C-alpha atoms as a PDB file:
ATOM      1  CA  MET A   1     105.536 -59.709  75.402  1.00  0.00           C
ATOM      2  CA  ASN A   2     107.111 -56.431  74.673  1.00  0.00           C
ATOM      3  CA  LEU A   3     108.533 -56.712  71.377  1.00  0.00           C
ATOM      4  CA  PRO A   4     109.314 -53.525  69.315  1.00  0.00           C
ATOM      5  CA  TYR A   5     106.531 -53.193  66.860  1.00  0.00           C
ATOM      6  CA  THR A   6     107.676 -51.269  63.354  1.00  0.00           C
ATOM      7  CA  MET A   7     104.731 -50.034  61.333  1.00  0.00           C
ATOM      8  CA  PRO A   8     104.436 -49.039  57.919  1.00  0.00           C
ATOM      9  CA  VAL A   9     105.065 -45.224  57.391  1.00  0.00           C
ATOM     10  CA  GLU A  10     101.323 -45.376  55.674  1.00  0.00           C
ATOM     11  CA  GLU A  11      99.443 -47.070  59.037  1.00  0.00           C
ATOM     12  CA  ALA A  12     101.244 -44.815  61.746  1.00  0.00           C
ATOM     13  CA  THR A  13     100.208 -41.933  59.682  1.00  0.00           C
ATOM     14  CA  GLU A  14      96.664 -43.152  59.921  1.00  0.00           C
ATOM     15  CA  CYS A  15      97.364 -43.645  63.457  1.00  0.00           C
ATOM     16  CA  ILE A  16      98.386 -39.971  64.060  1.00  0.00           C
ATOM     17  CA  ARG A  17      95.559 -38.805  62.243  1.00  0.00           C
ATOM     18  CA  ALA A  18      93.097 -40.621  64.271  1.00  0.00           C
ATOM     19  CA  PHE A  19      95.211 -40.285  67.743  1.00  0.00           C
ATOM     20  CA  GLU A  20      95.806 -35.810  67.153  1.00  0.00           C
ATOM     21  CA  PRO A  21      98.846 -35.646  68.754  1.00  0.00           C
ATOM     22  CA  ASP A  22     100.445 -32.525  69.137  1.00  0.00           C
ATOM     23  CA  VAL A  23     103.954 -34.009  68.691  1.00  0.00           C
ATOM     24  CA  VAL A  24     105.494 -37.216  67.143  1.00  0.00           C
ATOM     25  CA  TYR A  25     109.248 -38.740  67.750  1.00  0.00           C
ATOM     26  CA  PRO A  26     109.395 -41.385  64.817  1.00  0.00           C
ATOM     27  CA  PHE A  27     111.418 -44.341  66.139  1.00  0.00           C
ATOM     28  CA  HIS A  28     110.510 -47.757  65.121  1.00  0.00           C
ATOM     29  CA  TYR A  29     110.918 -47.133  62.112  1.00  0.00           C
ATOM     30  CA  ARG A  30     113.430 -50.176  61.170  1.00  0.00           C
ATOM     31  CA  GLY A  31     115.031 -49.287  57.153  1.00  0.00           C
ATOM     32  CA  GLN A  32     111.926 -46.846  56.080  1.00  0.00           C
ATOM     33  CA  ASP A  33     112.555 -43.091  55.950  1.00  0.00           C
ATOM     34  CA  PRO A  34     110.836 -41.448  59.257  1.00  0.00           C
ATOM     35  CA  SER A  35     110.449 -38.019  56.958  1.00  0.00           C
ATOM     36  CA  LYS A  36     107.874 -39.499  54.911  1.00  0.00           C
ATOM     37  CA  LEU A  37     105.847 -39.384  57.823  1.00  0.00           C
ATOM     38  CA  GLU A  38     105.988 -35.455  56.861  1.00  0.00           C
ATOM     39  CA  GLN A  39     104.772 -35.521  53.388  1.00  0.00           C
ATOM     40  CA  LEU A  40     102.048 -38.226  54.409  1.00  0.00           C
ATOM     41  CA  LEU A  41     100.546 -35.583  56.770  1.00  0.00           C
ATOM     42  CA  GLY A  42     100.605 -32.393  54.361  1.00  0.00           C
ATOM     43  CA  ASP A  43     100.983 -29.445  55.672  1.00  0.00           C
ATOM     44  CA  GLU A  44      97.503 -28.941  56.762  1.00  0.00           C
ATOM     45  CA  SER A  45      98.363 -31.020  59.679  1.00  0.00           C
ATOM     46  CA  SER A  46      98.649 -29.367  63.130  1.00  0.00           C
ATOM     47  CA  VAL A  47     100.891 -32.193  64.185  1.00  0.00           C
ATOM     48  CA  GLU A  48     104.428 -31.744  64.846  1.00  0.00           C
ATOM     49  CA  VAL A  49     107.130 -34.125  63.750  1.00  0.00           C
ATOM     50  CA  ARG A  50     110.259 -33.877  65.301  1.00  0.00           C
ATOM     51  CA  LEU A  51     113.117 -36.721  63.570  1.00  0.00           C
ATOM     52  CA  LEU A  52     115.954 -37.123  66.102  1.00  0.00           C
ATOM     53  CA  GLU A  53     118.912 -39.230  65.443  1.00  0.00           C
ATOM     54  CA  TRP A  54     117.985 -42.723  67.314  1.00  0.00           C
ATOM     55  CA  HIS A  55     119.885 -45.040  65.439  1.00  0.00           C
ATOM     56  CA  PRO A  56     123.587 -44.711  65.080  1.00  0.00           C
ATOM     57  CA  ALA A  57     124.425 -44.510  61.518  1.00  0.00           C
ATOM     58  CA  ALA A  58     126.075 -47.652  60.160  1.00  0.00           C
ATOM     59  CA  GLU A  59     130.045 -47.634  59.707  1.00  0.00           C
END
């Protein structure tokens, strides 16, 4: 099955540090604050976190 998986922000941060990508686009964050990734990675990280409006705001 190909179901979306939502990692906690802390686990996503560990994966980002392990893979060391140049750019990350958080997508499956289901109610979590994706900007927390930037905070957890810190200023010493060279990874660019691109936050986009993937999900429309609830009306």
